[in-house]
């Protein structure tokens, strides 16, 4: 009896990537996420608050919190820009003394 060995070439499958969200999508995700948590977030611990915000955004848009926390990636800057826009337009109020960031209309 003869034995045959079947050798298949390795296939290269391109990675499927999710398009980066727009600033408006990130703003909507921050808004929706904060509304689900009582409209505010504790910012007294910067690392913990960044993680929590990234988790809220990831839950709304998709991806992982680490994607949004990666300072070398484009999503981190997108979140920073979105939060800055929300503060500039009065949609998000930051109270450093109280250690909170709160949606203004909530």
PDB file of N, CA and C in Angstrom:
ATOM      1  N   UNK A   1       0.838  -1.161   0.000  1.00  0.00           N
ATOM      2  CA  UNK A   1       0.000   0.000   0.000  1.00  0.00           C
ATOM      3  C   UNK A   1       0.894   1.239   0.000  1.00  0.00           C
ATOM      4  N   UNK A   2       0.584   2.146  -0.902  1.00  0.00           N
ATOM      5  CA  UNK A   2       1.339   3.384  -0.980  1.00  0.00           C
ATOM      6  C   UNK A   2       0.649   4.453  -0.139  1.00  0.00           C
ATOM      7  N   UNK A   3       1.436   5.261   0.484  1.00  0.00           N
ATOM      8  CA  UNK A   3       0.903   6.388   1.248  1.00  0.00           C
ATOM      9  C   UNK A   3       1.248   7.668   0.519  1.00  0.00           C
ATOM     10  N   UNK A   4       0.299   8.543   0.509  1.00  0.00           N
ATOM     11  CA  UNK A   4       0.501   9.846  -0.119  1.00  0.00           C
ATOM     12  C   UNK A   4       0.416  10.935   0.946  1.00  0.00           C
ATOM     13  N   UNK A   5       1.267  11.857   0.814  1.00  0.00           N
ATOM     14  CA  UNK A   5       1.241  13.004   1.704  1.00  0.00           C
ATOM     15  C   UNK A   5       0.770  14.192   0.890  1.00  0.00           C
ATOM     16  N   UNK A   6      -0.287  14.793   1.343  1.00  0.00           N
ATOM     17  CA  UNK A   6      -0.841  15.949   0.659  1.00  0.00           C
ATOM     18  C   UNK A   6      -0.275  17.204   1.309  1.00  0.00           C
ATOM     19  N   UNK A   7       0.384  18.000   0.542  1.00  0.00           N
ATOM     20  CA  UNK A   7       0.975  19.231   1.048  1.00  0.00           C
ATOM     21  C   UNK A   7       0.214  20.395   0.438  1.00  0.00           C
ATOM     22  N   UNK A   8      -0.391  21.189   1.319  1.00  0.00           N
ATOM     23  CA  UNK A   8      -1.126  22.360   0.858  1.00  0.00           C
ATOM     24  C   UNK A   8      -0.284  23.608   1.101  1.00  0.00           C
ATOM     25  N   UNK A   9      -0.292  24.511   0.143  1.00  0.00           N
ATOM     26  CA  UNK A   9       0.445  25.751   0.382  1.00  0.00           C
ATOM     27  C   UNK A   9      -0.259  26.577   1.472  1.00  0.00           C
ATOM     28  N   UNK A  10       0.506  27.330   2.187  1.00  0.00           N
ATOM     29  CA  UNK A  10      -0.074  28.200   3.200  1.00  0.00           C
ATOM     30  C   UNK A  10      -0.836  29.326   2.513  1.00  0.00           C
ATOM     31  N   UNK A  11      -2.000  29.576   3.008  1.00  0.00           N
ATOM     32  CA  UNK A  11      -2.805  30.645   2.445  1.00  0.00           C
ATOM     33  C   UNK A  11      -2.611  31.916   3.251  1.00  0.00           C
ATOM     34  N   UNK A  12      -2.551  33.005   2.576  1.00  0.00           N
ATOM     35  CA  UNK A  12      -2.480  34.289   3.251  1.00  0.00           C
ATOM     36  C   UNK A  12      -3.848  34.926   3.144  1.00  0.00           C
ATOM     37  N   UNK A  13      -4.457  35.113   4.280  1.00  0.00           N
ATOM     38  CA  UNK A  13      -5.791  35.704   4.318  1.00  0.00           C
ATOM     39  C   UNK A  13      -5.643  37.122   4.844  1.00  0.00           C
ATOM     40  N   UNK A  14      -6.108  38.088   4.056  1.00  0.00           N
ATOM     41  CA  UNK A  14      -5.957  39.464   4.531  1.00  0.00           C
ATOM     42  C   UNK A  14      -6.788  39.705   5.786  1.00  0.00           C
ATOM     43  N   UNK A  15      -6.248  40.494   6.660  1.00  0.00           N
ATOM     44  CA  UNK A  15      -6.959  40.825   7.900  1.00  0.00           C
ATOM     45  C   UNK A  15      -8.122  41.752   7.577  1.00  0.00           C
ATOM     46  N   UNK A  16      -9.225  41.498   8.229  1.00  0.00           N
ATOM     47  CA  UNK A  16     -10.386  42.358   8.076  1.00  0.00           C
ATOM     48  C   UNK A  16     -10.281  43.432   9.153  1.00  0.00           C
ATOM     49  N   UNK A  17     -10.266  44.660   8.734  1.00  0.00           N
ATOM     50  CA  UNK A  17     -10.149  45.741   9.700  1.00  0.00           C
ATOM     51  C   UNK A  17     -11.412  46.579   9.684  1.00  0.00           C
ATOM     52  N   UNK A  18     -11.728  47.098  10.835  1.00  0.00           N
ATOM     53  CA  UNK A  18     -12.887  47.953  10.976  1.00  0.00           C
ATOM     54  C   UNK A  18     -12.445  49.376  10.680  1.00  0.00           C
ATOM     55  N   UNK A  19     -13.241  50.083   9.905  1.00  0.00           N
ATOM     56  CA  UNK A  19     -12.920  51.471   9.607  1.00  0.00           C
ATOM     57  C   UNK A  19     -12.946  52.285  10.898  1.00  0.00           C
ATOM     58  N   UNK A  20     -12.048  53.240  10.980  1.00  0.00           N
ATOM     59  CA  UNK A  20     -12.004  54.101  12.165  1.00  0.00           C
ATOM     60  C   UNK A  20     -13.287  54.920  12.224  1.00  0.00           C
ATOM     61  N   UNK A  21     -13.835  55.078  13.413  1.00  0.00           N
ATOM     62  CA  UNK A  21     -15.060  55.867  13.537  1.00  0.00           C
ATOM     63  C   UNK A  21     -14.764  57.349  13.307  1.00  0.00           C
ATOM     64  N   UNK A  22     -15.781  58.071  12.902  1.00  0.00           N
ATOM     65  CA  UNK A  22     -15.640  59.510  12.738  1.00  0.00           C
ATOM     66  C   UNK A  22     -15.694  60.170  14.111  1.00  0.00           C
ATOM     67  N   UNK A  23     -15.312  61.429  14.171  1.00  0.00           N
ATOM     68  CA  UNK A  23     -15.377  62.150  15.439  1.00  0.00           C
ATOM     69  C   UNK A  23     -16.817  62.210  15.936  1.00  0.00           C
ATOM     70  N   UNK A  24     -17.760  62.400  15.027  1.00  0.00           N
ATOM     71  CA  UNK A  24     -19.178  62.450  15.422  1.00  0.00           C
ATOM     72  C   UNK A  24     -19.646  61.110  15.995  1.00  0.00           C
ATOM     73  N   UNK A  25     -19.151  60.009  15.447  1.00  0.00           N
ATOM     74  CA  UNK A  25     -19.508  58.699  15.979  1.00  0.00           C
ATOM     75  C   UNK A  25     -18.933  58.503  17.387  1.00  0.00           C
ATOM     76  N   UNK A  26     -17.721  58.994  17.606  1.00  0.00           N
ATOM     77  CA  UNK A  26     -17.114  58.886  18.927  1.00  0.00           C
ATOM     78  C   UNK A  26     -17.878  59.765  19.920  1.00  0.00           C
ATOM     79  N   UNK A  27     -18.250  60.965  19.499  1.00  0.00           N
ATOM     80  CA  UNK A  27     -19.033  61.846  20.365  1.00  0.00           C
ATOM     81  C   UNK A  27     -20.349  61.175  20.744  1.00  0.00           C
ATOM     82  N   UNK A  28     -21.021  60.587  19.763  1.00  0.00           N
ATOM     83  CA  UNK A  28     -22.286  59.894  20.037  1.00  0.00           C
ATOM     84  C   UNK A  28     -22.063  58.716  20.991  1.00  0.00           C
ATOM     85  N   UNK A  29     -20.936  58.012  20.842  1.00  0.00           N
ATOM     86  CA  UNK A  29     -20.631  56.876  21.716  1.00  0.00           C
ATOM     87  C   UNK A  29     -20.343  57.342  23.141  1.00  0.00           C
ATOM     88  N   UNK A  30     -19.606  58.436  23.288  1.00  0.00           N
ATOM     89  CA  UNK A  30     -19.336  58.989  24.621  1.00  0.00           C
ATOM     90  C   UNK A  30     -20.649  59.403  25.270  1.00  0.00           C
ATOM     91  N   UNK A  31     -21.474  60.086  24.511  1.00  0.00           N
ATOM     92  CA  UNK A  31     -22.773  60.541  25.019  1.00  0.00           C
ATOM     93  C   UNK A  31     -23.623  59.355  25.467  1.00  0.00           C
ATOM     94  N   UNK A  32     -23.769  58.362  24.600  1.00  0.00           N
ATOM     95  CA  UNK A  32     -24.597  57.194  24.924  1.00  0.00           C
ATOM     96  C   UNK A  32     -24.019  56.418  26.107  1.00  0.00           C
ATOM     97  N   UNK A  33     -22.711  56.257  26.118  1.00  0.00           N
ATOM     98  CA  UNK A  33     -22.079  55.525  27.212  1.00  0.00           C
ATOM     99  C   UNK A  33     -22.250  56.224  28.551  1.00  0.00           C
ATOM    100  N   UNK A  34     -22.064  57.540  28.570  1.00  0.00           N
ATOM    101  CA  UNK A  34     -22.225  58.280  29.816  1.00  0.00           C
ATOM    102  C   UNK A  34     -23.678  58.265  30.289  1.00  0.00           C
ATOM    103  N   UNK A  35     -24.621  58.314  29.363  1.00  0.00           N
ATOM    104  CA  UNK A  35     -26.038  58.262  29.748  1.00  0.00           C
ATOM    105  C   UNK A  35     -26.368  56.929  30.430  1.00  0.00           C
ATOM    106  N   UNK A  36     -25.715  55.871  30.001  1.00  0.00           N
ATOM    107  CA  UNK A  36     -25.955  54.555  30.591  1.00  0.00           C
ATOM    108  C   UNK A  36     -25.335  54.416  31.981  1.00  0.00           C
ATOM    109  N   UNK A  37     -24.429  55.330  32.320  1.00  0.00           N
ATOM    110  CA  UNK A  37     -23.762  55.244  33.624  1.00  0.00           C
ATOM    111  C   UNK A  37     -24.154  56.401  34.535  1.00  0.00           C
ATOM    112  N   UNK A  38     -25.305  56.999  34.284  1.00  0.00           N
ATOM    113  CA  UNK A  38     -25.759  58.089  35.148  1.00  0.00           C
ATOM    114  C   UNK A  38     -25.262  59.449  34.723  1.00  0.00           C
ATOM    115  N   UNK A  39     -24.786  59.565  33.499  1.00  0.00           N
ATOM    116  CA  UNK A  39     -24.411  60.847  32.873  1.00  0.00           C
ATOM    117  C   UNK A  39     -23.088  61.427  33.324  1.00  0.00           C
ATOM    118  N   UNK A  40     -22.335  60.731  34.148  1.00  0.00           N
ATOM    119  CA  UNK A  40     -21.042  61.274  34.556  1.00  0.00           C
ATOM    120  C   UNK A  40     -20.026  60.157  34.734  1.00  0.00           C
ATOM    121  N   UNK A  41     -18.783  60.585  34.839  1.00  0.00           N
ATOM    122  CA  UNK A  41     -17.696  59.638  35.051  1.00  0.00           C
ATOM    123  C   UNK A  41     -16.731  60.265  36.054  1.00  0.00           C
ATOM    124  N   UNK A  42     -16.213  59.443  36.933  1.00  0.00           N
ATOM    125  CA  UNK A  42     -15.233  59.890  37.925  1.00  0.00           C
ATOM    126  C   UNK A  42     -13.893  60.058  37.213  1.00  0.00           C
ATOM    127  N   UNK A  43     -13.328  61.261  37.271  1.00  0.00           N
ATOM    128  CA  UNK A  43     -12.049  61.508  36.619  1.00  0.00           C
ATOM    129  C   UNK A  43     -10.933  61.772  37.630  1.00  0.00           C
ATOM    130  N   UNK A  44     -11.161  61.436  38.877  1.00  0.00           N
ATOM    131  CA  UNK A  44     -10.146  61.692  39.908  1.00  0.00           C
ATOM    132  C   UNK A  44      -8.896  60.836  39.700  1.00  0.00           C
ATOM    133  N   UNK A  45      -9.039  59.684  39.083  1.00  0.00           N
ATOM    134  CA  UNK A  45      -7.903  58.822  38.739  1.00  0.00           C
ATOM    135  C   UNK A  45      -7.841  58.774  37.216  1.00  0.00           C
ATOM    136  N   UNK A  46      -6.873  59.475  36.636  1.00  0.00           N
ATOM    137  CA  UNK A  46      -6.819  59.622  35.181  1.00  0.00           C
ATOM    138  C   UNK A  46      -6.751  58.282  34.458  1.00  0.00           C
ATOM    139  N   UNK A  47      -5.929  57.385  34.934  1.00  0.00           N
ATOM    140  CA  UNK A  47      -5.773  56.089  34.280  1.00  0.00           C
ATOM    141  C   UNK A  47      -7.090  55.304  34.308  1.00  0.00           C
ATOM    142  N   UNK A  48      -7.737  55.278  35.455  1.00  0.00           N
ATOM    143  CA  UNK A  48      -8.997  54.544  35.592  1.00  0.00           C
ATOM    144  C   UNK A  48     -10.104  55.193  34.769  1.00  0.00           C
ATOM    145  N   UNK A  49     -10.132  56.517  34.725  1.00  0.00           N
ATOM    146  CA  UNK A  49     -11.188  57.190  33.967  1.00  0.00           C
ATOM    147  C   UNK A  49     -10.981  57.019  32.467  1.00  0.00           C
ATOM    148  N   UNK A  50      -9.736  57.026  32.012  1.00  0.00           N
ATOM    149  CA  UNK A  50      -9.469  56.770  30.589  1.00  0.00           C
ATOM    150  C   UNK A  50      -9.903  55.358  30.223  1.00  0.00           C
ATOM    151  N   UNK A  51      -9.593  54.396  31.085  1.00  0.00           N
ATOM    152  CA  UNK A  51      -9.993  53.003  30.840  1.00  0.00           C
ATOM    153  C   UNK A  51     -11.506  52.890  30.779  1.00  0.00           C
ATOM    154  N   UNK A  52     -12.202  53.506  31.739  1.00  0.00           N
ATOM    155  CA  UNK A  52     -13.671  53.430  31.787  1.00  0.00           C
ATOM    156  C   UNK A  52     -14.278  54.072  30.549  1.00  0.00           C
ATOM    157  N   UNK A  53     -13.774  55.225  30.138  1.00  0.00           N
ATOM    158  CA  UNK A  53     -14.293  55.895  28.946  1.00  0.00           C
ATOM    159  C   UNK A  53     -14.050  55.032  27.709  1.00  0.00           C
ATOM    160  N   UNK A  54     -12.875  54.442  27.608  1.00  0.00           N
ATOM    161  CA  UNK A  54     -12.573  53.561  26.478  1.00  0.00           C
ATOM    162  C   UNK A  54     -13.504  52.353  26.455  1.00  0.00           C
ATOM    163  N   UNK A  55     -13.822  51.815  27.628  1.00  0.00           N
ATOM    164  CA  UNK A  55     -14.762  50.685  27.704  1.00  0.00           C
ATOM    165  C   UNK A  55     -16.156  51.094  27.236  1.00  0.00           C
ATOM    166  N   UNK A  56     -16.583  52.292  27.634  1.00  0.00           N
ATOM    167  CA  UNK A  56     -17.901  52.779  27.214  1.00  0.00           C
ATOM    168  C   UNK A  56     -17.958  52.965  25.704  1.00  0.00           C
ATOM    169  N   UNK A  57     -16.903  53.535  25.135  1.00  0.00           N
ATOM    170  CA  UNK A  57     -16.857  53.756  23.692  1.00  0.00           C
ATOM    171  C   UNK A  57     -16.833  52.422  22.955  1.00  0.00           C
ATOM    172  N   UNK A  58     -16.009  51.502  23.420  1.00  0.00           N
ATOM    173  CA  UNK A  58     -15.919  50.187  22.781  1.00  0.00           C
ATOM    174  C   UNK A  58     -17.262  49.467  22.811  1.00  0.00           C
ATOM    175  N   UNK A  59     -17.993  49.605  23.905  1.00  0.00           N
ATOM    176  CA  UNK A  59     -19.302  48.961  24.014  1.00  0.00           C
ATOM    177  C   UNK A  59     -20.290  49.548  23.007  1.00  0.00           C
ATOM    178  N   UNK A  60     -20.134  50.822  22.697  1.00  0.00           N
ATOM    179  CA  UNK A  60     -21.048  51.484  21.764  1.00  0.00           C
ATOM    180  C   UNK A  60     -20.644  51.286  20.302  1.00  0.00           C
ATOM    181  N   UNK A  61     -19.353  51.386  20.015  1.00  0.00           N
ATOM    182  CA  UNK A  61     -18.870  51.353  18.629  1.00  0.00           C
ATOM    183  C   UNK A  61     -18.348  49.987  18.224  1.00  0.00           C
ATOM    184  N   UNK A  62     -17.713  49.302  19.172  1.00  0.00           N
ATOM    185  CA  UNK A  62     -17.057  48.042  18.854  1.00  0.00           C
ATOM    186  C   UNK A  62     -15.562  48.167  19.082  1.00  0.00           C
ATOM    187  N   UNK A  63     -14.884  47.069  18.940  1.00  0.00           N
ATOM    188  CA  UNK A  63     -13.457  47.052  19.222  1.00  0.00           C
ATOM    189  C   UNK A  63     -13.234  46.791  20.698  1.00  0.00           C
ATOM    190  N   UNK A  64     -12.028  47.043  21.135  1.00  0.00           N
ATOM    191  CA  UNK A  64     -11.698  46.831  22.535  1.00  0.00           C
ATOM    192  C   UNK A  64     -11.261  48.152  23.159  1.00  0.00           C
ATOM    193  N   UNK A  65     -11.341  48.216  24.465  1.00  0.00           N
ATOM    194  CA  UNK A  65     -10.883  49.414  25.178  1.00  0.00           C
ATOM    195  C   UNK A  65      -9.413  49.671  24.872  1.00  0.00           C
ATOM    196  N   UNK A  66      -8.627  48.604  24.762  1.00  0.00           N
ATOM    197  CA  UNK A  66      -7.195  48.771  24.481  1.00  0.00           C
ATOM    198  C   UNK A  66      -6.954  49.469  23.149  1.00  0.00           C
ATOM    199  N   UNK A  67      -7.842  49.251  22.166  1.00  0.00           N
ATOM    200  CA  UNK A  67      -7.708  49.947  20.880  1.00  0.00           C
ATOM    201  C   UNK A  67      -7.785  51.454  21.072  1.00  0.00           C
ATOM    202  N   UNK A  68      -8.678  51.878  21.936  1.00  0.00           N
ATOM    203  CA  UNK A  68      -8.883  53.305  22.163  1.00  0.00           C
ATOM    204  C   UNK A  68      -7.841  53.896  23.111  1.00  0.00           C
ATOM    205  N   UNK A  69      -7.201  53.048  23.915  1.00  0.00           N
ATOM    206  CA  UNK A  69      -6.186  53.508  24.860  1.00  0.00           C
ATOM    207  C   UNK A  69      -4.783  53.543  24.267  1.00  0.00           C
ATOM    208  N   UNK A  70      -4.586  52.893  23.150  1.00  0.00           N
ATOM    209  CA  UNK A  70      -3.269  52.809  22.522  1.00  0.00           C
ATOM    210  C   UNK A  70      -2.833  54.193  22.040  1.00  0.00           C
ATOM    211  N   UNK A  71      -1.924  54.814  22.773  1.00  0.00           N
ATOM    212  CA  UNK A  71      -1.495  56.189  22.459  1.00  0.00           C
ATOM    213  C   UNK A  71      -0.793  56.305  21.114  1.00  0.00           C
ATOM    214  N   UNK A  72      -0.296  55.206  20.587  1.00  0.00           N
ATOM    215  CA  UNK A  72       0.368  55.250  19.280  1.00  0.00           C
ATOM    216  C   UNK A  72      -0.618  55.035  18.136  1.00  0.00           C
ATOM    217  N   UNK A  73      -1.862  54.705  18.465  1.00  0.00           N
ATOM    218  CA  UNK A  73      -2.854  54.448  17.428  1.00  0.00           C
ATOM    219  C   UNK A  73      -3.742  55.653  17.155  1.00  0.00           C
ATOM    220  N   UNK A  74      -4.430  55.633  16.039  1.00  0.00           N
ATOM    221  CA  UNK A  74      -5.264  56.773  15.640  1.00  0.00           C
ATOM    222  C   UNK A  74      -6.525  56.941  16.485  1.00  0.00           C
ATOM    223  N   UNK A  75      -6.999  55.896  17.117  1.00  0.00           N
ATOM    224  CA  UNK A  75      -8.246  55.992  17.875  1.00  0.00           C
ATOM    225  C   UNK A  75      -8.083  56.818  19.144  1.00  0.00           C
ATOM    226  N   UNK A  76      -6.910  56.783  19.744  1.00  0.00           N
ATOM    227  CA  UNK A  76      -6.668  57.568  20.957  1.00  0.00           C
ATOM    228  C   UNK A  76      -6.831  59.055  20.663  1.00  0.00           C
ATOM    229  N   UNK A  77      -6.226  59.517  19.577  1.00  0.00           N
ATOM    230  CA  UNK A  77      -6.357  60.926  19.195  1.00  0.00           C
ATOM    231  C   UNK A  77      -7.803  61.270  18.854  1.00  0.00           C
ATOM    232  N   UNK A  78      -8.507  60.337  18.235  1.00  0.00           N
ATOM    233  CA  UNK A  78      -9.910  60.565  17.878  1.00  0.00           C
ATOM    234  C   UNK A  78     -10.749  60.788  19.136  1.00  0.00           C
ATOM    235  N   UNK A  79     -10.507  59.990  20.162  1.00  0.00           N
ATOM    236  CA  UNK A  79     -11.241  60.141  21.420  1.00  0.00           C
ATOM    237  C   UNK A  79     -10.890  61.474  22.073  1.00  0.00           C
ATOM    238  N   UNK A  80      -9.597  61.800  22.112  1.00  0.00           N
ATOM    239  CA  UNK A  80      -9.184  63.084  22.683  1.00  0.00           C
ATOM    240  C   UNK A  80      -9.875  64.249  21.974  1.00  0.00           C
ATOM    241  N   UNK A  81      -9.892  64.208  20.649  1.00  0.00           N
ATOM    242  CA  UNK A  81     -10.523  65.279  19.874  1.00  0.00           C
ATOM    243  C   UNK A  81     -12.022  65.352  20.138  1.00  0.00           C
ATOM    244  N   UNK A  82     -12.659  64.200  20.233  1.00  0.00           N
ATOM    245  CA  UNK A  82     -14.102  64.165  20.474  1.00  0.00           C
ATOM    246  C   UNK A  82     -14.444  64.746  21.837  1.00  0.00           C
ATOM    247  N   UNK A  83     -13.700  64.360  22.858  1.00  0.00           N
ATOM    248  CA  UNK A  83     -13.945  64.868  24.209  1.00  0.00           C
ATOM    249  C   UNK A  83     -13.675  66.378  24.257  1.00  0.00           C
ATOM    250  N   UNK A  84     -12.607  66.821  23.600  1.00  0.00           N
ATOM    251  CA  UNK A  84     -12.302  68.252  23.555  1.00  0.00           C
ATOM    252  C   UNK A  84     -13.430  69.025  22.870  1.00  0.00           C
ATOM    253  N   UNK A  85     -13.941  68.493  21.771  1.00  0.00           N
ATOM    254  CA  UNK A  85     -15.064  69.130  21.080  1.00  0.00           C
ATOM    255  C   UNK A  85     -16.285  69.203  21.984  1.00  0.00           C
ATOM    256  N   UNK A  86     -16.549  68.122  22.711  1.00  0.00           N
ATOM    257  CA  UNK A  86     -17.694  68.105  23.623  1.00  0.00           C
ATOM    258  C   UNK A  86     -17.549  69.157  24.717  1.00  0.00           C
ATOM    259  N   UNK A  87     -16.335  69.364  25.206  1.00  0.00           N
ATOM    260  CA  UNK A  87     -16.110  70.379  26.235  1.00  0.00           C
ATOM    261  C   UNK A  87     -16.237  71.782  25.639  1.00  0.00           C
ATOM    262  N   UNK A  88     -15.674  71.986  24.450  1.00  0.00           N
ATOM    263  CA  UNK A  88     -15.727  73.301  23.810  1.00  0.00           C
ATOM    264  C   UNK A  88     -17.155  73.725  23.475  1.00  0.00           C
ATOM    265  N   UNK A  89     -17.992  72.767  23.139  1.00  0.00           N
ATOM    266  CA  UNK A  89     -19.377  73.080  22.767  1.00  0.00           C
ATOM    267  C   UNK A  89     -20.318  73.068  23.965  1.00  0.00           C
ATOM    268  N   UNK A  90     -19.786  72.778  25.150  1.00  0.00           N
ATOM    269  CA  UNK A  90     -20.601  72.783  26.359  1.00  0.00           C
ATOM    270  C   UNK A  90     -21.395  71.514  26.571  1.00  0.00           C
ATOM    271  N   UNK A  91     -21.161  70.519  25.755  1.00  0.00           N
ATOM    272  CA  UNK A  91     -21.890  69.248  25.879  1.00  0.00           C
ATOM    273  C   UNK A  91     -21.382  68.415  27.055  1.00  0.00           C
ATOM    274  N   UNK A  92     -20.109  68.622  27.422  1.00  0.00           N
ATOM    275  CA  UNK A  92     -19.482  67.892  28.512  1.00  0.00           C
ATOM    276  C   UNK A  92     -18.845  68.914  29.447  1.00  0.00           C
ATOM    277  N   UNK A  93     -19.183  68.816  30.713  1.00  0.00           N
ATOM    278  CA  UNK A  93     -18.648  69.729  31.718  1.00  0.00           C
ATOM    279  C   UNK A  93     -17.697  68.969  32.628  1.00  0.00           C
ATOM    280  N   UNK A  94     -16.499  69.489  32.760  1.00  0.00           N
ATOM    281  CA  UNK A  94     -15.487  68.872  33.613  1.00  0.00           C
ATOM    282  C   UNK A  94     -15.350  69.719  34.869  1.00  0.00           C
ATOM    283  N   UNK A  95     -15.504  69.079  36.009  1.00  0.00           N
ATOM    284  CA  UNK A  95     -15.349  69.744  37.305  1.00  0.00           C
ATOM    285  C   UNK A  95     -14.166  69.084  38.006  1.00  0.00           C
ATOM    286  N   UNK A  96     -12.999  69.721  37.897  1.00  0.00           N
ATOM    287  CA  UNK A  96     -11.790  69.141  38.475  1.00  0.00           C
ATOM    288  C   UNK A  96     -11.862  69.053  39.995  1.00  0.00           C
ATOM    289  N   UNK A  97     -12.492  70.036  40.623  1.00  0.00           N
ATOM    290  CA  UNK A  97     -12.605  70.018  42.077  1.00  0.00           C
ATOM    291  C   UNK A  97     -13.425  68.823  42.560  1.00  0.00           C
ATOM    292  N   UNK A  98     -14.487  68.535  41.843  1.00  0.00           N
ATOM    293  CA  UNK A  98     -15.337  67.403  42.203  1.00  0.00           C
ATOM    294  C   UNK A  98     -14.811  66.083  41.625  1.00  0.00           C
ATOM    295  N   UNK A  99     -13.899  66.183  40.655  1.00  0.00           N
ATOM    296  CA  UNK A  99     -13.360  64.981  40.029  1.00  0.00           C
ATOM    297  C   UNK A  99     -14.338  64.265  39.143  1.00  0.00           C
ATOM    298  N   UNK A 100     -15.186  65.050  38.421  1.00  0.00           N
ATOM    299  CA  UNK A 100     -16.175  64.434  37.540  1.00  0.00           C
ATOM    300  C   UNK A 100     -16.209  65.119  36.177  1.00  0.00           C
ATOM    301  N   UNK A 101     -16.626  64.362  35.198  1.00  0.00           N
ATOM    302  CA  UNK A 101     -16.988  64.873  33.883  1.00  0.00           C
ATOM    303  C   UNK A 101     -18.436  64.476  33.684  1.00  0.00           C
ATOM    304  N   UNK A 102     -19.284  65.432  33.329  1.00  0.00           N
ATOM    305  CA  UNK A 102     -20.723  65.191  33.260  1.00  0.00           C
ATOM    306  C   UNK A 102     -21.306  65.748  31.980  1.00  0.00           C
ATOM    307  N   UNK A 103     -22.259  65.000  31.414  1.00  0.00           N
ATOM    308  CA  UNK A 103     -23.014  65.531  30.278  1.00  0.00           C
ATOM    309  C   UNK A 103     -23.840  66.703  30.767  1.00  0.00           C
ATOM    310  N   UNK A 104     -23.777  67.785  30.053  1.00  0.00           N
ATOM    311  CA  UNK A 104     -24.426  69.020  30.503  1.00  0.00           C
ATOM    312  C   UNK A 104     -25.952  68.949  30.495  1.00  0.00           C
ATOM    313  N   UNK A 105     -26.524  68.181  29.591  1.00  0.00           N
ATOM    314  CA  UNK A 105     -27.985  68.157  29.456  1.00  0.00           C
ATOM    315  C   UNK A 105     -28.624  66.931  30.112  1.00  0.00           C
ATOM    316  N   UNK A 106     -27.926  66.352  31.038  1.00  0.00           N
ATOM    317  CA  UNK A 106     -28.414  65.095  31.602  1.00  0.00           C
ATOM    318  C   UNK A 106     -28.535  65.191  33.118  1.00  0.00           C
TER     319      UNK A 106
END
